[in-house]
Amino acid sequence: MDLVAKDAVKAMVELSETWQEADKVIKEFTPWKSTGERLSYLYGTFNVSILASHDGIEDEQHKLEADYRAVLSAIVNQKWR
């Protein structure tokens, strides 16, 4: 993905109304398909990190999904600050 495409995808994610809408953008316009890959993309592109307790979540996949939704929600909601 070239720099112009990266910037365009980043803008579309940031301007999404919901995390679900942003997730569709990532799935459609990036090669990253697994939750772990998409989470790594968010960490690298948006320079974010998360500290999560994962209370009661034992399955690693559910932890990744919870982190992904949390990070993506924070990115989408940031535009209102």
N, C-alpha and C. Protein backbone atom coordinates (compact mmCIF):
# COMPACT_ATOMS: atom_id res chain seq x y z
N MET A 1 0.86 -1.18 0.00
CA MET A 1 0.00 0.00 0.00
C MET A 1 0.90 1.24 0.00
N ASP A 2 0.67 2.15 -0.95
CA ASP A 2 1.51 3.34 -1.02
C ASP A 2 1.06 4.40 0.00
N LEU A 3 1.87 5.45 0.14
CA LEU A 3 1.63 6.47 1.16
C LEU A 3 0.29 7.17 0.97
N VAL A 4 -0.09 7.46 -0.28
CA VAL A 4 -1.36 8.13 -0.54
C VAL A 4 -2.51 7.23 -0.08
N ALA A 5 -2.44 5.96 -0.42
CA ALA A 5 -3.48 5.02 -0.02
C ALA A 5 -3.53 4.89 1.50
N LYS A 6 -2.38 4.85 2.15
CA LYS A 6 -2.34 4.76 3.61
C LYS A 6 -3.01 5.97 4.24
N ASP A 7 -2.70 7.15 3.73
CA ASP A 7 -3.31 8.37 4.27
C ASP A 7 -4.81 8.40 4.03
N ALA A 8 -5.25 7.93 2.87
CA ALA A 8 -6.67 7.90 2.56
C ALA A 8 -7.42 6.94 3.48
N VAL A 9 -6.86 5.76 3.69
CA VAL A 9 -7.49 4.78 4.58
C VAL A 9 -7.52 5.32 6.00
N LYS A 10 -6.43 5.93 6.43
CA LYS A 10 -6.38 6.51 7.78
C LYS A 10 -7.47 7.55 7.95
N ALA A 11 -7.65 8.42 6.96
CA ALA A 11 -8.69 9.46 7.03
C ALA A 11 -10.08 8.84 7.05
N MET A 12 -10.30 7.82 6.23
CA MET A 12 -11.62 7.17 6.22
C MET A 12 -11.93 6.52 7.56
N VAL A 13 -10.92 5.91 8.19
CA VAL A 13 -11.12 5.30 9.51
C VAL A 13 -11.46 6.38 10.52
N GLU A 14 -10.68 7.46 10.53
CA GLU A 14 -10.89 8.53 11.50
C GLU A 14 -12.26 9.19 11.34
N LEU A 15 -12.76 9.26 10.12
CA LEU A 15 -14.04 9.93 9.87
C LEU A 15 -15.24 9.00 9.94
N SER A 16 -15.01 7.74 10.22
CA SER A 16 -16.11 6.79 10.35
C SER A 16 -17.00 7.17 11.53
N GLU A 17 -18.27 6.86 11.41
CA GLU A 17 -19.23 7.17 12.47
C GLU A 17 -19.17 6.16 13.62
N THR A 18 -18.84 4.91 13.31
CA THR A 18 -18.81 3.84 14.31
C THR A 18 -17.57 2.99 14.10
N TRP A 19 -17.24 2.19 15.11
CA TRP A 19 -16.10 1.30 14.95
C TRP A 19 -16.39 0.24 13.89
N GLN A 20 -17.66 -0.14 13.75
CA GLN A 20 -18.03 -1.14 12.75
C GLN A 20 -17.79 -0.60 11.34
N GLU A 21 -18.13 0.66 11.12
CA GLU A 21 -17.89 1.29 9.82
C GLU A 21 -16.39 1.38 9.54
N ALA A 22 -15.63 1.75 10.54
CA ALA A 22 -14.17 1.83 10.40
C ALA A 22 -13.58 0.45 10.12
N ASP A 23 -14.13 -0.57 10.76
CA ASP A 23 -13.67 -1.94 10.53
C ASP A 23 -13.90 -2.35 9.08
N LYS A 24 -15.03 -1.97 8.52
CA LYS A 24 -15.31 -2.29 7.11
C LYS A 24 -14.29 -1.62 6.19
N VAL A 25 -13.91 -0.39 6.51
CA VAL A 25 -12.90 0.32 5.72
C VAL A 25 -11.59 -0.45 5.76
N ILE A 26 -11.18 -0.85 6.94
CA ILE A 26 -9.91 -1.59 7.09
C ILE A 26 -9.96 -2.91 6.34
N LYS A 27 -11.06 -3.63 6.47
CA LYS A 27 -11.18 -4.92 5.79
C LYS A 27 -11.17 -4.77 4.27
N GLU A 28 -11.79 -3.70 3.77
CA GLU A 28 -11.90 -3.51 2.32
C GLU A 28 -10.63 -2.94 1.70
N PHE A 29 -9.97 -2.02 2.38
CA PHE A 29 -8.88 -1.27 1.75
C PHE A 29 -7.48 -1.62 2.25
N THR A 30 -7.35 -2.61 3.12
CA THR A 30 -6.03 -3.05 3.54
C THR A 30 -5.93 -4.57 3.33
N PRO A 31 -4.73 -5.08 3.29
CA PRO A 31 -4.59 -6.54 3.15
C PRO A 31 -4.76 -7.29 4.47
N TRP A 32 -4.97 -6.59 5.56
CA TRP A 32 -5.00 -7.21 6.88
C TRP A 32 -6.40 -7.78 7.16
N LYS A 33 -6.49 -9.08 7.33
CA LYS A 33 -7.78 -9.73 7.49
C LYS A 33 -8.03 -10.27 8.90
N SER A 34 -7.01 -10.79 9.55
CA SER A 34 -7.23 -11.33 10.89
C SER A 34 -7.30 -10.19 11.91
N THR A 35 -7.92 -10.45 13.04
CA THR A 35 -8.04 -9.44 14.08
C THR A 35 -6.67 -8.98 14.56
N GLY A 36 -5.75 -9.91 14.73
CA GLY A 36 -4.41 -9.56 15.17
C GLY A 36 -3.69 -8.66 14.18
N GLU A 37 -3.83 -8.95 12.89
CA GLU A 37 -3.21 -8.12 11.85
C GLU A 37 -3.82 -6.72 11.83
N ARG A 38 -5.14 -6.65 11.95
CA ARG A 38 -5.80 -5.35 11.93
C ARG A 38 -5.45 -4.54 13.17
N LEU A 39 -5.30 -5.20 14.32
CA LEU A 39 -4.90 -4.51 15.55
C LEU A 39 -3.47 -3.97 15.40
N SER A 40 -2.59 -4.76 14.85
CA SER A 40 -1.21 -4.30 14.60
C SER A 40 -1.20 -3.12 13.64
N TYR A 41 -2.05 -3.15 12.64
CA TYR A 41 -2.18 -2.03 11.71
C TYR A 41 -2.58 -0.76 12.46
N LEU A 42 -3.55 -0.87 13.35
CA LEU A 42 -3.99 0.29 14.12
C LEU A 42 -2.86 0.82 15.00
N TYR A 43 -2.15 -0.08 15.68
CA TYR A 43 -1.04 0.33 16.53
C TYR A 43 0.00 1.11 15.72
N GLY A 44 0.34 0.61 14.54
CA GLY A 44 1.36 1.25 13.73
C GLY A 44 0.91 2.53 13.05
N THR A 45 -0.30 2.53 12.54
CA THR A 45 -0.80 3.67 11.78
C THR A 45 -1.20 4.84 12.66
N PHE A 46 -1.80 4.55 13.80
CA PHE A 46 -2.33 5.60 14.65
C PHE A 46 -1.50 5.85 15.90
N ASN A 47 -0.39 5.10 16.04
CA ASN A 47 0.50 5.28 17.18
C ASN A 47 -0.28 5.23 18.50
N VAL A 48 -1.04 4.16 18.66
CA VAL A 48 -1.85 3.96 19.86
C VAL A 48 -1.42 2.69 20.56
N SER A 49 -1.82 2.57 21.80
CA SER A 49 -1.63 1.34 22.55
C SER A 49 -2.79 1.23 23.53
N ILE A 50 -2.91 0.09 24.15
CA ILE A 50 -4.02 -0.12 25.07
C ILE A 50 -3.53 -0.91 26.27
N LEU A 51 -4.06 -0.54 27.40
CA LEU A 51 -3.82 -1.30 28.62
C LEU A 51 -5.17 -1.89 29.02
N ALA A 52 -5.29 -3.18 28.89
CA ALA A 52 -6.57 -3.82 29.17
C ALA A 52 -6.40 -4.90 30.22
N SER A 53 -7.40 -5.01 31.08
CA SER A 53 -7.31 -6.02 32.13
C SER A 53 -7.82 -7.38 31.67
N HIS A 54 -8.75 -7.40 30.74
CA HIS A 54 -9.32 -8.65 30.23
C HIS A 54 -9.92 -9.51 31.35
N ASP A 55 -10.52 -8.89 32.32
CA ASP A 55 -11.15 -9.64 33.40
C ASP A 55 -12.17 -10.61 32.84
N GLY A 56 -12.00 -11.86 33.18
CA GLY A 56 -12.95 -12.88 32.79
C GLY A 56 -12.79 -13.40 31.37
N ILE A 57 -11.85 -12.86 30.61
CA ILE A 57 -11.64 -13.34 29.24
C ILE A 57 -10.41 -14.23 29.23
N GLU A 58 -10.62 -15.49 28.93
CA GLU A 58 -9.50 -16.42 28.92
C GLU A 58 -9.04 -16.75 27.50
N ASP A 59 -9.93 -16.68 26.55
CA ASP A 59 -9.61 -17.02 25.16
C ASP A 59 -8.81 -15.87 24.52
N GLU A 60 -7.67 -16.19 23.96
CA GLU A 60 -6.78 -15.18 23.37
C GLU A 60 -7.46 -14.44 22.22
N GLN A 61 -8.24 -15.13 21.41
CA GLN A 61 -8.94 -14.49 20.29
C GLN A 61 -9.94 -13.45 20.80
N HIS A 62 -10.64 -13.75 21.88
CA HIS A 62 -11.59 -12.79 22.44
C HIS A 62 -10.86 -11.57 23.02
N LYS A 63 -9.67 -11.79 23.56
CA LYS A 63 -8.88 -10.67 24.06
C LYS A 63 -8.47 -9.74 22.91
N LEU A 64 -8.02 -10.34 21.81
CA LEU A 64 -7.64 -9.55 20.64
C LEU A 64 -8.83 -8.76 20.11
N GLU A 65 -9.98 -9.41 20.03
CA GLU A 65 -11.18 -8.73 19.53
C GLU A 65 -11.60 -7.59 20.45
N ALA A 66 -11.51 -7.80 21.76
CA ALA A 66 -11.86 -6.74 22.71
C ALA A 66 -10.91 -5.56 22.57
N ASP A 67 -9.62 -5.83 22.44
CA ASP A 67 -8.63 -4.77 22.25
C ASP A 67 -8.87 -4.03 20.94
N TYR A 68 -9.13 -4.79 19.88
CA TYR A 68 -9.37 -4.19 18.57
C TYR A 68 -10.57 -3.24 18.60
N ARG A 69 -11.67 -3.70 19.16
CA ARG A 69 -12.86 -2.84 19.25
C ARG A 69 -12.59 -1.61 20.09
N ALA A 70 -11.87 -1.78 21.19
CA ALA A 70 -11.57 -0.64 22.07
C ALA A 70 -10.70 0.40 21.37
N VAL A 71 -9.65 -0.04 20.70
CA VAL A 71 -8.75 0.88 20.01
C VAL A 71 -9.47 1.56 18.86
N LEU A 72 -10.21 0.79 18.08
CA LEU A 72 -10.92 1.37 16.94
C LEU A 72 -12.00 2.35 17.40
N SER A 73 -12.69 2.03 18.47
CA SER A 73 -13.69 2.95 19.03
C SER A 73 -13.05 4.25 19.49
N ALA A 74 -11.90 4.15 20.13
CA ALA A 74 -11.20 5.36 20.61
C ALA A 74 -10.77 6.23 19.43
N ILE A 75 -10.30 5.61 18.36
CA ILE A 75 -9.88 6.38 17.17
C ILE A 75 -11.08 7.09 16.56
N VAL A 76 -12.18 6.38 16.40
CA VAL A 76 -13.38 6.96 15.79
C VAL A 76 -13.94 8.08 16.67
N ASN A 77 -13.94 7.90 17.98
CA ASN A 77 -14.50 8.89 18.89
C ASN A 77 -13.59 10.08 19.12
N GLN A 78 -12.33 9.97 18.76
CA GLN A 78 -11.35 11.05 18.98
C GLN A 78 -11.73 12.34 18.24
N LYS A 79 -12.40 12.22 17.09
CA LYS A 79 -12.71 13.41 16.29
C LYS A 79 -13.63 14.37 17.01
N TRP A 80 -14.31 13.91 18.03
CA TRP A 80 -15.26 14.77 18.75
C TRP A 80 -14.60 15.52 19.90
N ARG A 81 -13.32 15.33 20.09
CA ARG A 81 -12.63 16.01 21.20
C ARG A 81 -11.94 17.25 20.72
